[in-house]
Amino acid sequence: MSKKSKESKNTVEDKDTAQTQDKTQNVNGEQNPENQETVVEEVSELDALKEDLAKEKDKFLRLFAEFENYKKRTSKERIELFKTAGQDILQAMLPVIDDFDRALVEISKSEDKEMLKGVELISSKLKNVLEGKGLEVIDTKTGDTFDAEVHDAVTQIPAPSDDLKGKIVDVIEKGYKLGDKIIRHPKVVFGQ
């Protein structure tokens, strides 16, 4: 390239730069108000868009967290439902178990050992099936400390001895629980 063409090219570029500066500046060397407004509008639009984006991100995160909490809550409820799904049926079977226990006591008084053996087999089979479904007997016996959250006090009597004060004197009806939940409180008599 010749020296003359380089000079003319530099001159053209200098003129373009000067014209651009003239457009953005007025005679006193200050920014042109029209261009300043455009820049301010672009900056304010950019800030508004950034603010909208931040709001939408926050909204999305809150919605996502709420959905995660919903999933956890429903899975926990589902597990509880499966644990106690047969609660109504098991509660309906409790009087049958009580009847078997009473029958065993009465049959053991008789001399018919074959009948006693048959009733014992049926009773143990029923209890094993129910235990397989999660039913547990609440272990309560005479001399245990009375706990109002676990035991259902039928009546209070004067303690037959000093060591039975505030303790269970007699168990009227067995208590049962399904998993960790008590489905029938043991009915007891306690001494005072």
C-alpha atoms as a PDB file:
ATOM      1  CA  MET A   1       0.000   0.000   0.000  1.00  0.00           C
ATOM      2  CA  SER A   2       1.272   3.410  -0.812  1.00  0.00           C
ATOM      3  CA  LYS A   3       1.921   6.084   1.669  1.00  0.00           C
ATOM      4  CA  LYS A   4      -0.728   8.315   0.158  1.00  0.00           C
ATOM      5  CA  SER A   5      -3.527   5.706   0.439  1.00  0.00           C
ATOM      6  CA  LYS A   6      -2.608   5.023   4.110  1.00  0.00           C
ATOM      7  CA  GLU A   7      -2.877   8.700   4.909  1.00  0.00           C
ATOM      8  CA  SER A   8      -6.248   9.037   3.179  1.00  0.00           C
ATOM      9  CA  LYS A   9      -7.543   5.975   5.036  1.00  0.00           C
ATOM     10  CA  ASN A  10      -6.416   7.372   8.402  1.00  0.00           C
ATOM     11  CA  THR A  11      -8.016  10.693   7.534  1.00  0.00           C
ATOM     12  CA  VAL A  12     -11.362   9.022   6.758  1.00  0.00           C
ATOM     13  CA  GLU A  13     -11.262   7.076  10.043  1.00  0.00           C
ATOM     14  CA  ASP A  14     -10.413  10.223  11.970  1.00  0.00           C
ATOM     15  CA  LYS A  15     -13.346  12.040  10.358  1.00  0.00           C
ATOM     16  CA  ASP A  16     -15.779   9.200  11.294  1.00  0.00           C
ATOM     17  CA  THR A  17     -14.541   9.267  14.889  1.00  0.00           C
ATOM     18  CA  ALA A  18     -14.850  13.029  15.034  1.00  0.00           C
ATOM     19  CA  GLN A  19     -18.403  12.917  13.637  1.00  0.00           C
ATOM     20  CA  THR A  20     -19.413  10.303  16.207  1.00  0.00           C
ATOM     21  CA  GLN A  21     -18.009  12.414  18.997  1.00  0.00           C
ATOM     22  CA  ASP A  22     -19.779  15.476  17.591  1.00  0.00           C
ATOM     23  CA  LYS A  23     -23.081  13.643  17.692  1.00  0.00           C
ATOM     24  CA  THR A  24     -22.697  12.681  21.335  1.00  0.00           C
ATOM     25  CA  GLN A  25     -21.354  16.070  22.403  1.00  0.00           C
ATOM     26  CA  ASN A  26     -22.771  19.512  21.796  1.00  0.00           C
ATOM     27  CA  VAL A  27     -20.816  22.731  21.304  1.00  0.00           C
ATOM     28  CA  ASN A  28     -19.794  23.087  24.948  1.00  0.00           C
ATOM     29  CA  GLY A  29     -18.365  19.566  25.090  1.00  0.00           C
ATOM     30  CA  GLU A  30     -21.291  18.146  27.092  1.00  0.00           C
ATOM     31  CA  GLN A  31     -23.175  14.947  26.259  1.00  0.00           C
ATOM     32  CA  ASN A  32     -25.995  15.330  23.795  1.00  0.00           C
ATOM     33  CA  PRO A  33     -29.285  15.107  25.771  1.00  0.00           C
ATOM     34  CA  GLU A  34     -30.943  12.817  23.210  1.00  0.00           C
ATOM     35  CA  ASN A  35     -28.137  10.251  23.422  1.00  0.00           C
ATOM     36  CA  GLN A  36     -27.995  10.587  27.174  1.00  0.00           C
ATOM     37  CA  GLU A  37     -31.701   9.756  27.408  1.00  0.00           C
ATOM     38  CA  THR A  38     -31.201   6.727  25.175  1.00  0.00           C
ATOM     39  CA  VAL A  39     -28.346   5.471  27.352  1.00  0.00           C
ATOM     40  CA  VAL A  40     -30.378   6.074  30.526  1.00  0.00           C
ATOM     41  CA  GLU A  41     -33.387   4.273  29.017  1.00  0.00           C
ATOM     42  CA  GLU A  42     -31.225   1.308  28.028  1.00  0.00           C
ATOM     43  CA  VAL A  43     -29.678   1.175  31.504  1.00  0.00           C
ATOM     44  CA  SER A  44     -33.072   1.428  33.209  1.00  0.00           C
ATOM     45  CA  GLU A  45     -34.519  -1.263  30.902  1.00  0.00           C
ATOM     46  CA  LEU A  46     -31.554  -3.489  31.700  1.00  0.00           C
ATOM     47  CA  ASP A  47     -32.030  -2.932  35.438  1.00  0.00           C
ATOM     48  CA  ALA A  48     -35.745  -3.664  35.121  1.00  0.00           C
ATOM     49  CA  LEU A  49     -35.027  -6.878  33.226  1.00  0.00           C
ATOM     50  CA  LYS A  50     -32.450  -7.934  35.824  1.00  0.00           C
ATOM     51  CA  GLU A  51     -34.967  -7.220  38.593  1.00  0.00           C
ATOM     52  CA  ASP A  52     -37.674  -9.221  36.792  1.00  0.00           C
ATOM     53  CA  LEU A  53     -35.238 -12.100  36.321  1.00  0.00           C
ATOM     54  CA  ALA A  54     -34.348 -12.059  40.023  1.00  0.00           C
ATOM     55  CA  LYS A  55     -38.058 -12.082  40.963  1.00  0.00           C
ATOM     56  CA  GLU A  56     -38.757 -15.003  38.640  1.00  0.00           C
ATOM     57  CA  LYS A  57     -35.760 -16.945  39.997  1.00  0.00           C
ATOM     58  CA  ASP A  58     -36.983 -16.369  43.549  1.00  0.00           C
ATOM     59  CA  LYS A  59     -40.503 -17.417  42.569  1.00  0.00           C
ATOM     60  CA  PHE A  60     -39.149 -20.560  40.901  1.00  0.00           C
ATOM     61  CA  LEU A  61     -37.003 -21.497  43.905  1.00  0.00           C
ATOM     62  CA  ARG A  62     -39.924 -21.049  46.305  1.00  0.00           C
ATOM     63  CA  LEU A  63     -42.199 -23.121  44.084  1.00  0.00           C
ATOM     64  CA  PHE A  64     -39.558 -25.841  43.809  1.00  0.00           C
ATOM     65  CA  ALA A  65     -39.043 -25.899  47.602  1.00  0.00           C
ATOM     66  CA  GLU A  66     -42.808 -26.065  48.169  1.00  0.00           C
ATOM     67  CA  PHE A  67     -43.079 -28.993  45.759  1.00  0.00           C
ATOM     68  CA  GLU A  68     -40.219 -30.837  47.496  1.00  0.00           C
ATOM     69  CA  ASN A  69     -41.948 -30.342  50.867  1.00  0.00           C
ATOM     70  CA  TYR A  70     -45.191 -31.639  49.355  1.00  0.00           C
ATOM     71  CA  LYS A  71     -43.442 -34.782  48.083  1.00  0.00           C
ATOM     72  CA  LYS A  72     -41.857 -35.437  51.483  1.00  0.00           C
ATOM     73  CA  ARG A  73     -45.141 -34.883  53.316  1.00  0.00           C
ATOM     74  CA  THR A  74     -47.158 -37.166  51.016  1.00  0.00           C
ATOM     75  CA  SER A  75     -44.554 -39.933  51.158  1.00  0.00           C
ATOM     76  CA  LYS A  76     -44.549 -39.724  54.964  1.00  0.00           C
ATOM     77  CA  GLU A  77     -48.368 -39.863  55.006  1.00  0.00           C
ATOM     78  CA  ARG A  78     -48.326 -42.836  52.627  1.00  0.00           C
ATOM     79  CA  ILE A  79     -45.908 -44.735  54.875  1.00  0.00           C
ATOM     80  CA  GLU A  80     -48.120 -44.018  57.909  1.00  0.00           C
ATOM     81  CA  LEU A  81     -51.174 -45.162  55.964  1.00  0.00           C
ATOM     82  CA  PHE A  82     -49.516 -48.460  55.069  1.00  0.00           C
ATOM     83  CA  LYS A  83     -48.466 -48.992  58.679  1.00  0.00           C
ATOM     84  CA  THR A  84     -51.976 -48.490  60.009  1.00  0.00           C
ATOM     85  CA  ALA A  85     -54.018 -49.654  57.004  1.00  0.00           C
ATOM     86  CA  GLY A  86     -55.448 -52.648  58.835  1.00  0.00           C
ATOM     87  CA  GLN A  87     -56.052 -50.822  62.102  1.00  0.00           C
ATOM     88  CA  ASP A  88     -59.849 -51.021  61.865  1.00  0.00           C
ATOM     89  CA  ILE A  89     -59.782 -54.736  61.145  1.00  0.00           C
ATOM     90  CA  LEU A  90     -57.302 -55.409  63.924  1.00  0.00           C
ATOM     91  CA  GLN A  91     -59.371 -53.394  66.392  1.00  0.00           C
ATOM     92  CA  ALA A  92     -62.427 -55.420  65.411  1.00  0.00           C
ATOM     93  CA  MET A  93     -60.466 -58.630  66.113  1.00  0.00           C
ATOM     94  CA  LEU A  94     -59.432 -57.613  69.642  1.00  0.00           C
ATOM     95  CA  PRO A  95     -62.705 -58.744  71.290  1.00  0.00           C
ATOM     96  CA  VAL A  96     -62.283 -62.128  69.569  1.00  0.00           C
ATOM     97  CA  ILE A  97     -58.823 -62.463  71.121  1.00  0.00           C
ATOM     98  CA  ASP A  98     -60.300 -61.532  74.514  1.00  0.00           C
ATOM     99  CA  ASP A  99     -62.998 -64.195  74.059  1.00  0.00           C
ATOM    100  CA  PHE A 100     -60.358 -66.798  73.253  1.00  0.00           C
ATOM    101  CA  ASP A 101     -58.430 -65.858  76.409  1.00  0.00           C
ATOM    102  CA  ARG A 102     -61.587 -66.174  78.546  1.00  0.00           C
ATOM    103  CA  ALA A 103     -62.475 -69.475  76.848  1.00  0.00           C
ATOM    104  CA  LEU A 104     -59.012 -70.850  77.572  1.00  0.00           C
ATOM    105  CA  VAL A 105     -59.375 -69.979  81.257  1.00  0.00           C
ATOM    106  CA  GLU A 106     -62.783 -71.685  81.506  1.00  0.00           C
ATOM    107  CA  ILE A 107     -61.849 -74.753  79.444  1.00  0.00           C
ATOM    108  CA  SER A 108     -58.715 -75.270  81.520  1.00  0.00           C
ATOM    109  CA  LYS A 109     -61.023 -75.746  84.548  1.00  0.00           C
ATOM    110  CA  SER A 110     -62.754 -78.659  82.817  1.00  0.00           C
ATOM    111  CA  GLU A 111     -61.375 -82.168  82.400  1.00  0.00           C
ATOM    112  CA  ASP A 112     -61.547 -82.146  78.565  1.00  0.00           C
ATOM    113  CA  LYS A 113     -57.889 -81.762  77.624  1.00  0.00           C
ATOM    114  CA  GLU A 114     -58.486 -82.334  73.896  1.00  0.00           C
ATOM    115  CA  MET A 115     -60.864 -79.386  73.710  1.00  0.00           C
ATOM    116  CA  LEU A 116     -58.338 -77.246  75.599  1.00  0.00           C
ATOM    117  CA  LYS A 117     -55.608 -78.255  73.156  1.00  0.00           C
ATOM    118  CA  GLY A 118     -57.816 -77.420  70.129  1.00  0.00           C
ATOM    119  CA  VAL A 119     -58.800 -73.990  71.452  1.00  0.00           C
ATOM    120  CA  GLU A 120     -55.156 -73.254  72.323  1.00  0.00           C
ATOM    121  CA  LEU A 121     -54.086 -74.113  68.762  1.00  0.00           C
ATOM    122  CA  ILE A 122     -56.744 -71.891  67.188  1.00  0.00           C
ATOM    123  CA  SER A 123     -55.987 -69.054  69.628  1.00  0.00           C
ATOM    124  CA  SER A 124     -52.233 -69.200  69.025  1.00  0.00           C
ATOM    125  CA  LYS A 125     -52.740 -69.334  65.247  1.00  0.00           C
ATOM    126  CA  LEU A 126     -54.963 -66.238  65.351  1.00  0.00           C
ATOM    127  CA  LYS A 127     -52.492 -64.388  67.576  1.00  0.00           C
ATOM    128  CA  ASN A 128     -49.556 -65.296  65.300  1.00  0.00           C
ATOM    129  CA  VAL A 129     -51.393 -64.011  62.225  1.00  0.00           C
ATOM    130  CA  LEU A 130     -52.253 -60.735  63.949  1.00  0.00           C
ATOM    131  CA  GLU A 131     -48.696 -60.343  65.272  1.00  0.00           C
ATOM    132  CA  GLY A 132     -47.499 -60.840  61.703  1.00  0.00           C
ATOM    133  CA  LYS A 133     -49.625 -57.827  60.744  1.00  0.00           C
ATOM    134  CA  GLY A 134     -47.903 -55.702  63.405  1.00  0.00           C
ATOM    135  CA  LEU A 135     -50.186 -56.157  66.420  1.00  0.00           C
ATOM    136  CA  GLU A 136     -48.325 -56.219  69.746  1.00  0.00           C
ATOM    137  CA  VAL A 137     -49.562 -56.783  73.287  1.00  0.00           C
ATOM    138  CA  ILE A 138     -48.682 -53.974  75.701  1.00  0.00           C
ATOM    139  CA  ASP A 139     -46.931 -55.756  78.541  1.00  0.00           C
ATOM    140  CA  THR A 140     -48.794 -54.743  81.704  1.00  0.00           C
ATOM    141  CA  LYS A 141     -48.731 -56.660  84.941  1.00  0.00           C
ATOM    142  CA  THR A 142     -49.516 -56.201  88.619  1.00  0.00           C
ATOM    143  CA  GLY A 143     -46.923 -54.046  90.338  1.00  0.00           C
ATOM    144  CA  ASP A 144     -46.045 -51.915  87.296  1.00  0.00           C
ATOM    145  CA  THR A 145     -46.047 -48.152  87.766  1.00  0.00           C
ATOM    146  CA  PHE A 146     -49.250 -46.521  86.535  1.00  0.00           C
ATOM    147  CA  ASP A 147     -48.740 -44.290  83.466  1.00  0.00           C
ATOM    148  CA  ALA A 148     -51.794 -42.216  82.472  1.00  0.00           C
ATOM    149  CA  GLU A 149     -50.572 -41.930  78.856  1.00  0.00           C
ATOM    150  CA  VAL A 150     -50.402 -45.701  78.408  1.00  0.00           C
ATOM    151  CA  HIS A 151     -52.904 -47.146  80.894  1.00  0.00           C
ATOM    152  CA  ASP A 152     -56.633 -46.559  81.145  1.00  0.00           C
ATOM    153  CA  ALA A 153     -57.633 -46.475  84.825  1.00  0.00           C
ATOM    154  CA  VAL A 154     -60.977 -48.143  85.375  1.00  0.00           C
ATOM    155  CA  THR A 155     -60.978 -47.485  89.097  1.00  0.00           C
ATOM    156  CA  GLN A 156     -58.792 -46.635  92.074  1.00  0.00           C
ATOM    157  CA  ILE A 157     -58.754 -48.680  95.228  1.00  0.00           C
ATOM    158  CA  PRO A 158     -56.845 -48.334  98.464  1.00  0.00           C
ATOM    159  CA  ALA A 159     -53.521 -50.088  97.956  1.00  0.00           C
ATOM    160  CA  PRO A 160     -53.504 -53.547  99.569  1.00  0.00           C
ATOM    161  CA  SER A 161     -49.897 -52.933 100.588  1.00  0.00           C
ATOM    162  CA  ASP A 162     -47.576 -49.924 100.734  1.00  0.00           C
ATOM    163  CA  ASP A 163     -45.472 -51.157  97.810  1.00  0.00           C
ATOM    164  CA  LEU A 164     -48.557 -51.024  95.481  1.00  0.00           C
ATOM    165  CA  LYS A 165     -49.335 -47.333  96.092  1.00  0.00           C
ATOM    166  CA  GLY A 166     -49.418 -45.588  92.690  1.00  0.00           C
ATOM    167  CA  LYS A 167     -48.945 -48.949  91.002  1.00  0.00           C
ATOM    168  CA  ILE A 168     -51.193 -51.301  89.078  1.00  0.00           C
ATOM    169  CA  VAL A 169     -53.136 -53.663  91.328  1.00  0.00           C
ATOM    170  CA  ASP A 170     -55.058 -55.592  88.642  1.00  0.00           C
ATOM    171  CA  VAL A 171     -55.230 -55.751  84.816  1.00  0.00           C
ATOM    172  CA  ILE A 172     -58.853 -55.891  83.611  1.00  0.00           C
ATOM    173  CA  GLU A 173     -58.225 -55.923  79.847  1.00  0.00           C
ATOM    174  CA  LYS A 174     -55.028 -56.234  77.807  1.00  0.00           C
ATOM    175  CA  GLY A 175     -53.812 -53.317  75.716  1.00  0.00           C
ATOM    176  CA  TYR A 176     -52.539 -53.535  72.143  1.00  0.00           C
ATOM    177  CA  LYS A 177     -50.502 -51.372  69.831  1.00  0.00           C
ATOM    178  CA  LEU A 178     -49.967 -51.367  66.093  1.00  0.00           C
ATOM    179  CA  GLY A 179     -46.411 -50.296  65.376  1.00  0.00           C
ATOM    180  CA  ASP A 180     -45.800 -47.323  67.664  1.00  0.00           C
ATOM    181  CA  LYS A 181     -49.470 -46.355  67.919  1.00  0.00           C
ATOM    182  CA  ILE A 182     -51.609 -47.629  70.803  1.00  0.00           C
ATOM    183  CA  ILE A 183     -54.911 -48.881  69.393  1.00  0.00           C
ATOM    184  CA  ARG A 184     -56.332 -50.022  72.738  1.00  0.00           C
ATOM    185  CA  HIS A 185     -55.073 -48.914  76.143  1.00  0.00           C
ATOM    186  CA  PRO A 186     -54.839 -51.581  78.844  1.00  0.00           C
ATOM    187  CA  LYS A 187     -57.638 -51.207  81.396  1.00  0.00           C
ATOM    188  CA  VAL A 188     -56.244 -51.396  84.909  1.00  0.00           C
ATOM    189  CA  VAL A 189     -57.067 -50.885  88.578  1.00  0.00           C
ATOM    190  CA  PHE A 190     -54.436 -48.998  90.509  1.00  0.00           C
ATOM    191  CA  GLY A 191     -53.845 -48.437  94.180  1.00  0.00           C
ATOM    192  CA  GLN A 192     -53.692 -45.099  95.911  1.00  0.00           C
END
